[in-house]
Amino acid sequence: MEKPKQAALAPPPPVETALPAAKTPASGVTQGNVITSPGGPKIIVVGDPARVTQNPLTAHIPDRDLLETTALGSLPVIGPDGRRPLDVYARSWSGARGARIALVIGGLGMSQTGTQQAIAALPAEVTLAFAPEGNSLIRWMQTARQNGHELLMQVPLEPFDYPRVNPGRNTLTVDAPATETLDNLHKAMGRITNYTGIINYMGARFTADAKAMTPVMQDIAKRGLLYLDDGSSARSQADTIASQQGTPFAAADVLIDGTQDRGSILKKLDELERIARAKGTAIGTGSAFSVTVDAVAAWTNEAKTRGIEIVPVSALVRDPEKG
């Protein structure tokens, strides 16, 4: 039976209003290389126009060309010039060939204190995943991006024993028609922006069902995003379906905090390092518990001294567009 990886918290408040309509002027919109702020000075950002990723100074500001305004929120799309959210919102890395590890910490937004701690304490190279039921997500997204983090959006998928085991509101279920599945997917997608892709939250039953997963993978690919399988289910068909649909894909190797104990988490991180040294790369996932955040923050700084590069998850995806 699957068990939630996120901390047990009080029910979240009603869903906050997402971003303004994509074509509506808003504070901090980008106009070419000039960033305007109502009532404030213009800031000129000088950069290479050929560069795809956002300038770090403006990483918290949504690129309006990469948003689609819908009744379910502002959804990510590929821009008119072909730029993908996956590329634009990706964190840069060295491109070196050494052992590389991506660490993804989820559950952001569920606890205000925990979210603040995670964003402040975790190295910028650590990827953060937001829970759609969280609170003040736009504000936390902006803070995380200003601190240099790459972001993912968690989507609740049906586990076995559902609804007794319940990932949360708007869970994507196997028996739902495709239109309902996409509506629920888009409700999660529309909660924030400036993220590179989707990661499942639970979902052993859903990810094992090719018919249910296919429209999800199609939509993710169409919107220029990646899909990260959290590696919790050996029956997941996500890898195969992503290959069929041309969806950028990666799968986690190790859940680092199945046991919420510092010593256990550090052992899992060491296991992740052994995998990375053996095959070149490894991906670990965890949740924003205090013990996890503290252990990851300490371990990543030590790992860098041993020649391990901590990279954003986008650096380790199998991307059909990049061969």
C-alpha atoms as a PDB file:
ATOM      1  CA  MET A   1       0.000   0.000   0.000  1.00  0.00           C
ATOM      2  CA  GLU A   2       1.300   3.447  -0.882  1.00  0.00           C
ATOM      3  CA  LYS A   3       1.707   5.998   1.851  1.00  0.00           C
ATOM      4  CA  PRO A   4       1.903   9.756   1.306  1.00  0.00           C
ATOM      5  CA  LYS A   5       5.413  11.186   1.446  1.00  0.00           C
ATOM      6  CA  GLN A   6       4.224  14.637   2.456  1.00  0.00           C
ATOM      7  CA  ALA A   7       3.778  15.647   6.045  1.00  0.00           C
ATOM      8  CA  ALA A   8       0.311  15.329   7.579  1.00  0.00           C
ATOM      9  CA  LEU A   9      -0.989  18.866   7.778  1.00  0.00           C
ATOM     10  CA  ALA A  10      -4.249  20.669   8.287  1.00  0.00           C
ATOM     11  CA  PRO A  11      -6.463  20.953   5.197  1.00  0.00           C
ATOM     12  CA  PRO A  12      -5.210  23.734   2.939  1.00  0.00           C
ATOM     13  CA  PRO A  13      -7.186  26.938   2.486  1.00  0.00           C
ATOM     14  CA  PRO A  14      -9.272  27.513  -0.650  1.00  0.00           C
ATOM     15  CA  VAL A  15      -7.338  27.670  -3.882  1.00  0.00           C
ATOM     16  CA  GLU A  16      -5.779  31.065  -4.346  1.00  0.00           C
ATOM     17  CA  THR A  17      -6.192  33.074  -7.480  1.00  0.00           C
ATOM     18  CA  ALA A  18      -3.547  32.103 -10.016  1.00  0.00           C
ATOM     19  CA  LEU A  19      -1.631  34.511 -12.224  1.00  0.00           C
ATOM     20  CA  PRO A  20      -3.421  37.258 -14.106  1.00  0.00           C
ATOM     21  CA  ALA A  21      -4.444  36.543 -17.670  1.00  0.00           C
ATOM     22  CA  ALA A  22      -1.390  36.076 -19.838  1.00  0.00           C
ATOM     23  CA  LYS A  23      -2.096  39.163 -21.923  1.00  0.00           C
ATOM     24  CA  THR A  24      -2.977  41.390 -18.967  1.00  0.00           C
ATOM     25  CA  PRO A  25      -0.231  43.843 -17.923  1.00  0.00           C
ATOM     26  CA  ALA A  26       1.027  43.030 -14.454  1.00  0.00           C
ATOM     27  CA  SER A  27       3.729  44.081 -12.055  1.00  0.00           C
ATOM     28  CA  GLY A  28       7.121  43.038 -13.298  1.00  0.00           C
ATOM     29  CA  VAL A  29       6.146  41.990 -16.806  1.00  0.00           C
ATOM     30  CA  THR A  30       9.023  41.630 -19.224  1.00  0.00           C
ATOM     31  CA  GLN A  31       9.044  43.733 -22.379  1.00  0.00           C
ATOM     32  CA  GLY A  32      12.041  42.721 -24.434  1.00  0.00           C
ATOM     33  CA  ASN A  33      15.088  43.563 -22.336  1.00  0.00           C
ATOM     34  CA  VAL A  34      13.233  46.192 -20.282  1.00  0.00           C
ATOM     35  CA  ILE A  35      11.527  45.126 -17.056  1.00  0.00           C
ATOM     36  CA  THR A  36       8.767  47.505 -16.019  1.00  0.00           C
ATOM     37  CA  SER A  37       7.389  47.924 -12.537  1.00  0.00           C
ATOM     38  CA  PRO A  38       4.334  50.169 -12.115  1.00  0.00           C
ATOM     39  CA  GLY A  39       5.392  53.283 -10.233  1.00  0.00           C
ATOM     40  CA  GLY A  40       9.041  52.252 -10.291  1.00  0.00           C
ATOM     41  CA  PRO A  41      12.074  52.669 -12.528  1.00  0.00           C
ATOM     42  CA  LYS A  42      12.782  50.651 -15.615  1.00  0.00           C
ATOM     43  CA  ILE A  43      15.531  48.060 -15.256  1.00  0.00           C
ATOM     44  CA  ILE A  44      17.579  47.302 -18.324  1.00  0.00           C
ATOM     45  CA  VAL A  45      18.731  43.667 -18.453  1.00  0.00           C
ATOM     46  CA  VAL A  46      21.679  43.120 -20.761  1.00  0.00           C
ATOM     47  CA  GLY A  47      22.104  39.540 -21.931  1.00  0.00           C
ATOM     48  CA  ASP A  48      22.740  37.279 -24.869  1.00  0.00           C
ATOM     49  CA  PRO A  49      19.560  37.330 -27.006  1.00  0.00           C
ATOM     50  CA  ALA A  50      20.354  33.799 -28.185  1.00  0.00           C
ATOM     51  CA  ARG A  51      20.246  32.482 -24.614  1.00  0.00           C
ATOM     52  CA  VAL A  52      17.136  30.402 -23.964  1.00  0.00           C
ATOM     53  CA  THR A  53      17.058  30.259 -20.168  1.00  0.00           C
ATOM     54  CA  GLN A  54      15.809  33.175 -18.109  1.00  0.00           C
ATOM     55  CA  ASN A  55      18.156  35.806 -16.787  1.00  0.00           C
ATOM     56  CA  PRO A  56      18.631  35.072 -13.051  1.00  0.00           C
ATOM     57  CA  LEU A  57      17.537  38.627 -12.258  1.00  0.00           C
ATOM     58  CA  THR A  58      14.105  37.936 -13.738  1.00  0.00           C
ATOM     59  CA  ALA A  59      13.710  34.218 -13.071  1.00  0.00           C
ATOM     60  CA  HIS A  60      10.666  34.832 -10.855  1.00  0.00           C
ATOM     61  CA  ILE A  61       8.772  36.648 -13.607  1.00  0.00           C
ATOM     62  CA  PRO A  62       6.591  34.508 -15.888  1.00  0.00           C
ATOM     63  CA  ASP A  63       7.357  34.629 -19.589  1.00  0.00           C
ATOM     64  CA  ARG A  64       3.985  35.636 -21.011  1.00  0.00           C
ATOM     65  CA  ASP A  65       4.735  33.991 -24.354  1.00  0.00           C
ATOM     66  CA  LEU A  66       4.838  30.650 -22.503  1.00  0.00           C
ATOM     67  CA  LEU A  67       1.400  30.938 -20.898  1.00  0.00           C
ATOM     68  CA  GLU A  68      -2.062  29.992 -22.098  1.00  0.00           C
ATOM     69  CA  THR A  69      -4.956  31.716 -20.346  1.00  0.00           C
ATOM     70  CA  THR A  70      -7.721  29.253 -19.445  1.00  0.00           C
ATOM     71  CA  ALA A  71     -10.591  28.973 -16.987  1.00  0.00           C
ATOM     72  CA  LEU A  72      -8.374  26.617 -14.957  1.00  0.00           C
ATOM     73  CA  GLY A  73      -5.485  29.034 -14.678  1.00  0.00           C
ATOM     74  CA  SER A  74      -2.501  30.127 -16.738  1.00  0.00           C
ATOM     75  CA  LEU A  75      -1.071  26.956 -18.252  1.00  0.00           C
ATOM     76  CA  PRO A  76       2.420  26.430 -19.691  1.00  0.00           C
ATOM     77  CA  VAL A  77       2.751  26.270 -23.469  1.00  0.00           C
ATOM     78  CA  ILE A  78       5.483  26.266 -26.084  1.00  0.00           C
ATOM     79  CA  GLY A  79       6.083  29.825 -27.247  1.00  0.00           C
ATOM     80  CA  PRO A  80       5.413  31.103 -30.771  1.00  0.00           C
ATOM     81  CA  ASP A  81       9.162  30.990 -31.386  1.00  0.00           C
ATOM     82  CA  GLY A  82       9.407  27.340 -30.286  1.00  0.00           C
ATOM     83  CA  ARG A  83      10.853  27.971 -26.819  1.00  0.00           C
ATOM     84  CA  ARG A  84       9.727  25.426 -24.234  1.00  0.00           C
ATOM     85  CA  PRO A  85       9.117  26.031 -20.522  1.00  0.00           C
ATOM     86  CA  LEU A  86      11.502  23.104 -19.971  1.00  0.00           C
ATOM     87  CA  ASP A  87      14.319  25.125 -21.525  1.00  0.00           C
ATOM     88  CA  VAL A  88      13.425  28.649 -20.448  1.00  0.00           C
ATOM     89  CA  TYR A  89      12.870  27.841 -16.759  1.00  0.00           C
ATOM     90  CA  ALA A  90      15.742  25.358 -16.460  1.00  0.00           C
ATOM     91  CA  ARG A  91      18.615  26.119 -14.116  1.00  0.00           C
ATOM     92  CA  SER A  92      21.990  26.170 -15.819  1.00  0.00           C
ATOM     93  CA  TRP A  93      24.798  23.783 -14.873  1.00  0.00           C
ATOM     94  CA  SER A  94      28.406  23.213 -15.873  1.00  0.00           C
ATOM     95  CA  GLY A  95      27.859  20.666 -18.658  1.00  0.00           C
ATOM     96  CA  ALA A  96      30.805  18.666 -17.323  1.00  0.00           C
ATOM     97  CA  ARG A  97      30.994  14.877 -17.635  1.00  0.00           C
ATOM     98  CA  GLY A  98      31.634  14.020 -13.972  1.00  0.00           C
ATOM     99  CA  ALA A  99      29.254  12.274 -11.575  1.00  0.00           C
ATOM    100  CA  ARG A 100      26.008  14.247 -11.425  1.00  0.00           C
ATOM    101  CA  ILE A 101      23.141  14.046  -8.956  1.00  0.00           C
ATOM    102  CA  ALA A 102      19.744  15.732  -9.107  1.00  0.00           C
ATOM    103  CA  LEU A 103      17.854  16.089  -5.836  1.00  0.00           C
ATOM    104  CA  VAL A 104      14.129  16.881  -5.870  1.00  0.00           C
ATOM    105  CA  ILE A 105      12.420  17.969  -2.650  1.00  0.00           C
ATOM    106  CA  GLY A 106       8.606  17.951  -2.833  1.00  0.00           C
ATOM    107  CA  GLY A 107       5.657  19.109  -0.788  1.00  0.00           C
ATOM    108  CA  LEU A 108       6.536  22.793  -1.059  1.00  0.00           C
ATOM    109  CA  GLY A 109       3.660  25.070  -0.086  1.00  0.00           C
ATOM    110  CA  MET A 110       1.978  22.667   2.337  1.00  0.00           C
ATOM    111  CA  SER A 111       3.625  24.186   5.416  1.00  0.00           C
ATOM    112  CA  GLN A 112       4.526  27.853   5.445  1.00  0.00           C
ATOM    113  CA  THR A 113       7.364  27.336   7.919  1.00  0.00           C
ATOM    114  CA  GLY A 114       8.621  24.215   6.163  1.00  0.00           C
ATOM    115  CA  THR A 115       8.507  25.890   2.756  1.00  0.00           C
ATOM    116  CA  GLN A 116      10.398  28.916   4.004  1.00  0.00           C
ATOM    117  CA  GLN A 117      13.019  26.681   5.614  1.00  0.00           C
ATOM    118  CA  ALA A 118      13.454  24.567   2.488  1.00  0.00           C
ATOM    119  CA  ILE A 119      13.880  27.541   0.154  1.00  0.00           C
ATOM    120  CA  ALA A 120      16.295  29.280   2.512  1.00  0.00           C
ATOM    121  CA  ALA A 121      18.384  26.264   3.562  1.00  0.00           C
ATOM    122  CA  LEU A 122      18.645  24.119   0.453  1.00  0.00           C
ATOM    123  CA  PRO A 123      21.403  24.889  -2.053  1.00  0.00           C
ATOM    124  CA  ALA A 124      20.113  26.536  -5.215  1.00  0.00           C
ATOM    125  CA  GLU A 125      21.080  23.440  -7.232  1.00  0.00           C
ATOM    126  CA  VAL A 126      18.335  21.417  -5.496  1.00  0.00           C
ATOM    127  CA  THR A 127      15.088  21.183  -7.499  1.00  0.00           C
ATOM    128  CA  LEU A 128      11.889  22.015  -5.618  1.00  0.00           C
ATOM    129  CA  ALA A 129       8.449  20.491  -6.317  1.00  0.00           C
ATOM    130  CA  PHE A 130       5.258  22.291  -5.304  1.00  0.00           C
ATOM    131  CA  ALA A 131       2.094  20.569  -4.071  1.00  0.00           C
ATOM    132  CA  PRO A 132      -1.061  21.903  -5.785  1.00  0.00           C
ATOM    133  CA  GLU A 133      -2.965  21.969  -2.476  1.00  0.00           C
ATOM    134  CA  GLY A 134      -0.395  24.294  -0.962  1.00  0.00           C
ATOM    135  CA  ASN A 135      -0.917  27.866   0.134  1.00  0.00           C
ATOM    136  CA  SER A 136       0.571  31.114  -1.258  1.00  0.00           C
ATOM    137  CA  LEU A 137       2.136  29.167  -4.088  1.00  0.00           C
ATOM    138  CA  ILE A 138       2.758  32.113  -6.404  1.00  0.00           C
ATOM    139  CA  ARG A 139       4.654  33.930  -3.663  1.00  0.00           C
ATOM    140  CA  TRP A 140       6.720  30.862  -2.809  1.00  0.00           C
ATOM    141  CA  MET A 141       7.377  30.188  -6.492  1.00  0.00           C
ATOM    142  CA  GLN A 142       8.778  33.676  -6.898  1.00  0.00           C
ATOM    143  CA  THR A 143      10.962  33.347  -3.802  1.00  0.00           C
ATOM    144  CA  ALA A 144      12.282  29.960  -4.912  1.00  0.00           C
ATOM    145  CA  ARG A 145      13.119  31.242  -8.383  1.00  0.00           C
ATOM    146  CA  GLN A 146      14.819  34.327  -6.972  1.00  0.00           C
ATOM    147  CA  ASN A 147      16.944  31.964  -4.868  1.00  0.00           C
ATOM    148  CA  GLY A 148      17.971  30.071  -8.008  1.00  0.00           C
ATOM    149  CA  HIS A 149      15.926  26.878  -7.736  1.00  0.00           C
ATOM    150  CA  GLU A 150      14.475  24.964 -10.659  1.00  0.00           C
ATOM    151  CA  LEU A 151      10.859  23.970 -10.037  1.00  0.00           C
ATOM    152  CA  LEU A 152       8.486  21.083 -10.713  1.00  0.00           C
ATOM    153  CA  MET A 153       4.721  20.788 -10.188  1.00  0.00           C
ATOM    154  CA  GLN A 154       3.422  17.748  -8.301  1.00  0.00           C
ATOM    155  CA  VAL A 155       0.268  16.122  -9.659  1.00  0.00           C
ATOM    156  CA  PRO A 156      -1.796  13.711  -7.516  1.00  0.00           C
ATOM    157  CA  LEU A 157      -2.347  10.377  -9.257  1.00  0.00           C
ATOM    158  CA  GLU A 158      -4.521   7.476  -8.152  1.00  0.00           C
ATOM    159  CA  PRO A 159      -2.791   4.930  -5.887  1.00  0.00           C
ATOM    160  CA  PHE A 160      -3.977   1.450  -5.095  1.00  0.00           C
ATOM    161  CA  ASP A 161      -6.534   1.478  -2.251  1.00  0.00           C
ATOM    162  CA  TYR A 162      -7.933   4.806  -3.462  1.00  0.00           C
ATOM    163  CA  PRO A 163      -9.898   6.620  -2.012  1.00  0.00           C
ATOM    164  CA  ARG A 164      -8.921   5.138   1.356  1.00  0.00           C
ATOM    165  CA  VAL A 165      -5.416   6.284   0.454  1.00  0.00           C
ATOM    166  CA  ASN A 166      -6.062   9.721  -1.010  1.00  0.00           C
ATOM    167  CA  PRO A 167      -3.402  11.966  -2.594  1.00  0.00           C
ATOM    168  CA  GLY A 168      -5.708  15.003  -2.373  1.00  0.00           C
ATOM    169  CA  ARG A 169      -8.180  17.061  -4.328  1.00  0.00           C
ATOM    170  CA  ASN A 170      -8.486  16.633  -8.087  1.00  0.00           C
ATOM    171  CA  THR A 171      -6.645  13.320  -8.119  1.00  0.00           C
ATOM    172  CA  LEU A 172      -6.262  11.874 -11.615  1.00  0.00           C
ATOM    173  CA  THR A 173      -8.045   8.509 -11.610  1.00  0.00           C
ATOM    174  CA  VAL A 174      -7.916   5.512 -13.919  1.00  0.00           C
ATOM    175  CA  ASP A 175     -11.672   5.299 -14.537  1.00  0.00           C
ATOM    176  CA  ALA A 176     -12.200   8.984 -15.348  1.00  0.00           C
ATOM    177  CA  PRO A 177     -12.757  10.022 -18.978  1.00  0.00           C
ATOM    178  CA  ALA A 178      -9.788  11.679 -20.645  1.00  0.00           C
ATOM    179  CA  THR A 179     -11.478  15.099 -20.553  1.00  0.00           C
ATOM    180  CA  GLU A 180     -11.819  14.924 -16.761  1.00  0.00           C
ATOM    181  CA  THR A 181      -8.261  13.665 -16.426  1.00  0.00           C
ATOM    182  CA  LEU A 182      -6.922  16.628 -18.395  1.00  0.00           C
ATOM    183  CA  ASP A 183      -9.100  19.063 -16.451  1.00  0.00           C
ATOM    184  CA  ASN A 184      -7.630  17.796 -13.179  1.00  0.00           C
ATOM    185  CA  LEU A 185      -4.130  17.874 -14.646  1.00  0.00           C
ATOM    186  CA  HIS A 186      -4.633  21.473 -15.709  1.00  0.00           C
ATOM    187  CA  LYS A 187      -5.994  22.480 -12.297  1.00  0.00           C
ATOM    188  CA  ALA A 188      -2.659  21.406 -10.838  1.00  0.00           C
ATOM    189  CA  MET A 189      -0.652  22.946 -13.675  1.00  0.00           C
ATOM    190  CA  GLY A 190      -2.381  26.294 -13.270  1.00  0.00           C
ATOM    191  CA  ARG A 191      -1.464  26.753  -9.621  1.00  0.00           C
ATOM    192  CA  ILE A 192       1.984  28.222 -10.373  1.00  0.00           C
ATOM    193  CA  THR A 193       4.208  28.835 -13.367  1.00  0.00           C
ATOM    194  CA  ASN A 194       7.944  29.044 -14.146  1.00  0.00           C
ATOM    195  CA  TYR A 195       8.396  25.282 -13.681  1.00  0.00           C
ATOM    196  CA  THR A 196      10.123  22.841 -16.018  1.00  0.00           C
ATOM    197  CA  GLY A 197       7.883  19.834 -15.600  1.00  0.00           C
ATOM    198  CA  ILE A 198       5.606  17.479 -13.712  1.00  0.00           C
ATOM    199  CA  ILE A 199       6.305  14.887 -11.027  1.00  0.00           C
ATOM    200  CA  ASN A 200       3.749  12.355  -9.835  1.00  0.00           C
ATOM    201  CA  TYR A 201       2.526  12.350  -6.257  1.00  0.00           C
ATOM    202  CA  MET A 202       1.698   8.717  -5.429  1.00  0.00           C
ATOM    203  CA  GLY A 203      -0.145   7.096  -8.364  1.00  0.00           C
ATOM    204  CA  ALA A 204       0.926   3.433  -8.510  1.00  0.00           C
ATOM    205  CA  ARG A 205      -2.395   2.413 -10.042  1.00  0.00           C
ATOM    206  CA  PHE A 206      -2.588   5.333 -12.454  1.00  0.00           C
ATOM    207  CA  THR A 207       0.978   5.064 -13.756  1.00  0.00           C
ATOM    208  CA  ALA A 208       0.496   1.335 -14.361  1.00  0.00           C
ATOM    209  CA  ASP A 209      -2.435   2.018 -16.705  1.00  0.00           C
ATOM    210  CA  ALA A 210      -1.265   2.937 -20.203  1.00  0.00           C
ATOM    211  CA  LYS A 211      -4.703   4.140 -21.322  1.00  0.00           C
ATOM    212  CA  ALA A 212      -4.928   6.562 -18.407  1.00  0.00           C
ATOM    213  CA  MET A 213      -1.335   7.767 -18.674  1.00  0.00           C
ATOM    214  CA  THR A 214      -1.198   8.355 -22.429  1.00  0.00           C
ATOM    215  CA  PRO A 215      -3.259  11.583 -22.644  1.00  0.00           C
ATOM    216  CA  VAL A 216      -1.326  12.956 -19.684  1.00  0.00           C
ATOM    217  CA  MET A 217       2.015  12.320 -21.390  1.00  0.00           C
ATOM    218  CA  GLN A 218       0.689  13.762 -24.639  1.00  0.00           C
ATOM    219  CA  ASP A 219      -0.362  16.962 -22.926  1.00  0.00           C
ATOM    220  CA  ILE A 220       2.918  17.316 -21.031  1.00  0.00           C
ATOM    221  CA  ALA A 221       4.898  16.910 -24.279  1.00  0.00           C
ATOM    222  CA  LYS A 222       2.624  19.320 -26.141  1.00  0.00           C
ATOM    223  CA  ARG A 223       3.265  21.960 -23.484  1.00  0.00           C
ATOM    224  CA  GLY A 224       7.042  21.633 -23.607  1.00  0.00           C
ATOM    225  CA  LEU A 225       7.472  20.125 -20.143  1.00  0.00           C
ATOM    226  CA  LEU A 226       9.322  17.149 -18.682  1.00  0.00           C
ATOM    227  CA  TYR A 227       7.881  14.260 -16.675  1.00  0.00           C
ATOM    228  CA  LEU A 228       9.736  12.908 -13.649  1.00  0.00           C
ATOM    229  CA  ASP A 229       8.641   9.519 -12.336  1.00  0.00           C
ATOM    230  CA  ASP A 230       9.332   9.441  -8.597  1.00  0.00           C
ATOM    231  CA  GLY A 231      10.406   5.799  -8.860  1.00  0.00           C
ATOM    232  CA  SER A 232       7.997   4.586  -6.178  1.00  0.00           C
ATOM    233  CA  SER A 233       6.241   1.989  -8.342  1.00  0.00           C
ATOM    234  CA  ALA A 234       7.934  -0.840 -10.221  1.00  0.00           C
ATOM    235  CA  ARG A 235       4.772  -1.218 -12.317  1.00  0.00           C
ATOM    236  CA  SER A 236       4.895   2.302 -13.743  1.00  0.00           C
ATOM    237  CA  GLN A 237       4.491   2.524 -17.514  1.00  0.00           C
ATOM    238  CA  ALA A 238       5.605   6.161 -17.566  1.00  0.00           C
ATOM    239  CA  ASP A 239       8.966   5.486 -19.212  1.00  0.00           C
ATOM    240  CA  THR A 240       7.463   3.508 -22.099  1.00  0.00           C
ATOM    241  CA  ILE A 241       4.637   5.963 -22.690  1.00  0.00           C
ATOM    242  CA  ALA A 242       6.973   8.953 -22.544  1.00  0.00           C
ATOM    243  CA  SER A 243       9.102   7.316 -25.249  1.00  0.00           C
ATOM    244  CA  GLN A 244       6.020   6.744 -27.407  1.00  0.00           C
ATOM    245  CA  GLN A 245       4.772  10.317 -27.011  1.00  0.00           C
ATOM    246  CA  GLY A 246       8.121  12.110 -27.262  1.00  0.00           C
ATOM    247  CA  THR A 247       7.888  13.422 -23.701  1.00  0.00           C
ATOM    248  CA  PRO A 248      11.141  14.473 -22.005  1.00  0.00           C
ATOM    249  CA  PHE A 249      11.510  11.929 -19.197  1.00  0.00           C
ATOM    250  CA  ALA A 250      13.519  10.965 -16.155  1.00  0.00           C
ATOM    251  CA  ALA A 251      13.000   8.529 -13.289  1.00  0.00           C
ATOM    252  CA  ALA A 252      14.209   8.796  -9.709  1.00  0.00           C
ATOM    253  CA  ASP A 253      16.650   6.204  -8.416  1.00  0.00           C
ATOM    254  CA  VAL A 254      16.270   6.626  -4.649  1.00  0.00           C
ATOM    255  CA  LEU A 255      13.629   7.890  -2.236  1.00  0.00           C
ATOM    256  CA  ILE A 256      15.856   9.425   0.396  1.00  0.00           C
ATOM    257  CA  ASP A 257      13.432   9.904   3.299  1.00  0.00           C
ATOM    258  CA  GLY A 258      11.171   6.869   3.414  1.00  0.00           C
ATOM    259  CA  THR A 259      12.386   6.779   7.017  1.00  0.00           C
ATOM    260  CA  GLN A 260      12.449  10.237   8.563  1.00  0.00           C
ATOM    261  CA  ASP A 261      15.697   9.839  10.427  1.00  0.00           C
ATOM    262  CA  ARG A 262      18.842  11.852   9.712  1.00  0.00           C
ATOM    263  CA  GLY A 263      21.145   8.854   9.743  1.00  0.00           C
ATOM    264  CA  SER A 264      18.876   6.911   7.393  1.00  0.00           C
ATOM    265  CA  ILE A 265      18.585   9.866   5.014  1.00  0.00           C
ATOM    266  CA  LEU A 266      22.349  10.321   4.898  1.00  0.00           C
ATOM    267  CA  LYS A 267      22.764   6.618   4.067  1.00  0.00           C
ATOM    268  CA  LYS A 268      20.311   6.987   1.194  1.00  0.00           C
ATOM    269  CA  LEU A 269      22.210  10.015  -0.071  1.00  0.00           C
ATOM    270  CA  ASP A 270      25.444   8.012   0.053  1.00  0.00           C
ATOM    271  CA  GLU A 271      23.677   5.280  -1.937  1.00  0.00           C
ATOM    272  CA  LEU A 272      22.714   7.930  -4.483  1.00  0.00           C
ATOM    273  CA  GLU A 273      26.361   8.951  -4.746  1.00  0.00           C
ATOM    274  CA  ARG A 274      27.426   5.340  -5.385  1.00  0.00           C
ATOM    275  CA  ILE A 275      24.882   5.098  -8.200  1.00  0.00           C
ATOM    276  CA  ALA A 276      26.104   8.342  -9.733  1.00  0.00           C
ATOM    277  CA  ARG A 277      29.741   7.220  -9.629  1.00  0.00           C
ATOM    278  CA  ALA A 278      28.807   3.898 -11.218  1.00  0.00           C
ATOM    279  CA  LYS A 279      26.608   5.133 -14.058  1.00  0.00           C
ATOM    280  CA  GLY A 280      27.369   8.851 -14.211  1.00  0.00           C
ATOM    281  CA  THR A 281      24.036  10.205 -12.980  1.00  0.00           C
ATOM    282  CA  ALA A 282      21.436   9.637 -10.261  1.00  0.00           C
ATOM    283  CA  ILE A 283      18.196  11.245  -9.114  1.00  0.00           C
ATOM    284  CA  GLY A 284      16.919  11.305  -5.540  1.00  0.00           C
ATOM    285  CA  THR A 285      13.530  12.466  -4.251  1.00  0.00           C
ATOM    286  CA  GLY A 286      12.309  13.478  -0.812  1.00  0.00           C
ATOM    287  CA  SER A 287       9.847  15.734   0.974  1.00  0.00           C
ATOM    288  CA  ALA A 288      10.275  19.049   2.740  1.00  0.00           C
ATOM    289  CA  PHE A 289      10.443  17.665   6.261  1.00  0.00           C
ATOM    290  CA  SER A 290      12.847  19.545   8.527  1.00  0.00           C
ATOM    291  CA  VAL A 291      15.052  16.482   8.985  1.00  0.00           C
ATOM    292  CA  THR A 292      15.245  15.965   5.214  1.00  0.00           C
ATOM    293  CA  VAL A 293      16.074  19.588   4.484  1.00  0.00           C
ATOM    294  CA  ASP A 294      18.786  19.691   7.146  1.00  0.00           C
ATOM    295  CA  ALA A 295      20.371  16.429   5.964  1.00  0.00           C
ATOM    296  CA  VAL A 296      20.275  17.360   2.272  1.00  0.00           C
ATOM    297  CA  ALA A 297      21.717  20.829   2.900  1.00  0.00           C
ATOM    298  CA  ALA A 298      24.666  19.384   4.832  1.00  0.00           C
ATOM    299  CA  TRP A 299      25.277  16.427   2.507  1.00  0.00           C
ATOM    300  CA  THR A 300      25.192  18.393  -0.760  1.00  0.00           C
ATOM    301  CA  ASN A 301      27.851  20.815   0.449  1.00  0.00           C
ATOM    302  CA  GLU A 302      30.087  17.882   1.417  1.00  0.00           C
ATOM    303  CA  ALA A 303      29.389  16.015  -1.840  1.00  0.00           C
ATOM    304  CA  LYS A 304      30.612  18.971  -3.881  1.00  0.00           C
ATOM    305  CA  THR A 305      34.009  18.712  -2.176  1.00  0.00           C
ATOM    306  CA  ARG A 306      34.167  15.067  -3.348  1.00  0.00           C
ATOM    307  CA  GLY A 307      33.685  16.063  -6.988  1.00  0.00           C
ATOM    308  CA  ILE A 308      29.945  15.443  -7.218  1.00  0.00           C
ATOM    309  CA  GLU A 309      28.017  18.048  -9.190  1.00  0.00           C
ATOM    310  CA  ILE A 310      24.484  18.724  -7.965  1.00  0.00           C
ATOM    311  CA  VAL A 311      22.439  19.520 -11.062  1.00  0.00           C
ATOM    312  CA  PRO A 312      18.816  20.474 -11.753  1.00  0.00           C
ATOM    313  CA  VAL A 313      16.584  17.598 -12.773  1.00  0.00           C
ATOM    314  CA  SER A 314      16.231  19.085 -16.274  1.00  0.00           C
ATOM    315  CA  ALA A 315      19.918  18.289 -16.837  1.00  0.00           C
ATOM    316  CA  LEU A 316      19.247  14.554 -16.544  1.00  0.00           C
ATOM    317  CA  VAL A 317      16.139  14.051 -18.676  1.00  0.00           C
ATOM    318  CA  ARG A 318      15.979  11.973 -21.828  1.00  0.00           C
ATOM    319  CA  ASP A 319      14.914  14.681 -24.246  1.00  0.00           C
ATOM    320  CA  PRO A 320      13.845  13.702 -27.787  1.00  0.00           C
ATOM    321  CA  GLU A 321      14.572  17.228 -29.023  1.00  0.00           C
ATOM    322  CA  LYS A 322      18.186  17.010 -27.918  1.00  0.00           C
ATOM    323  CA  GLY A 323      18.907  13.488 -29.111  1.00  0.00           C
END
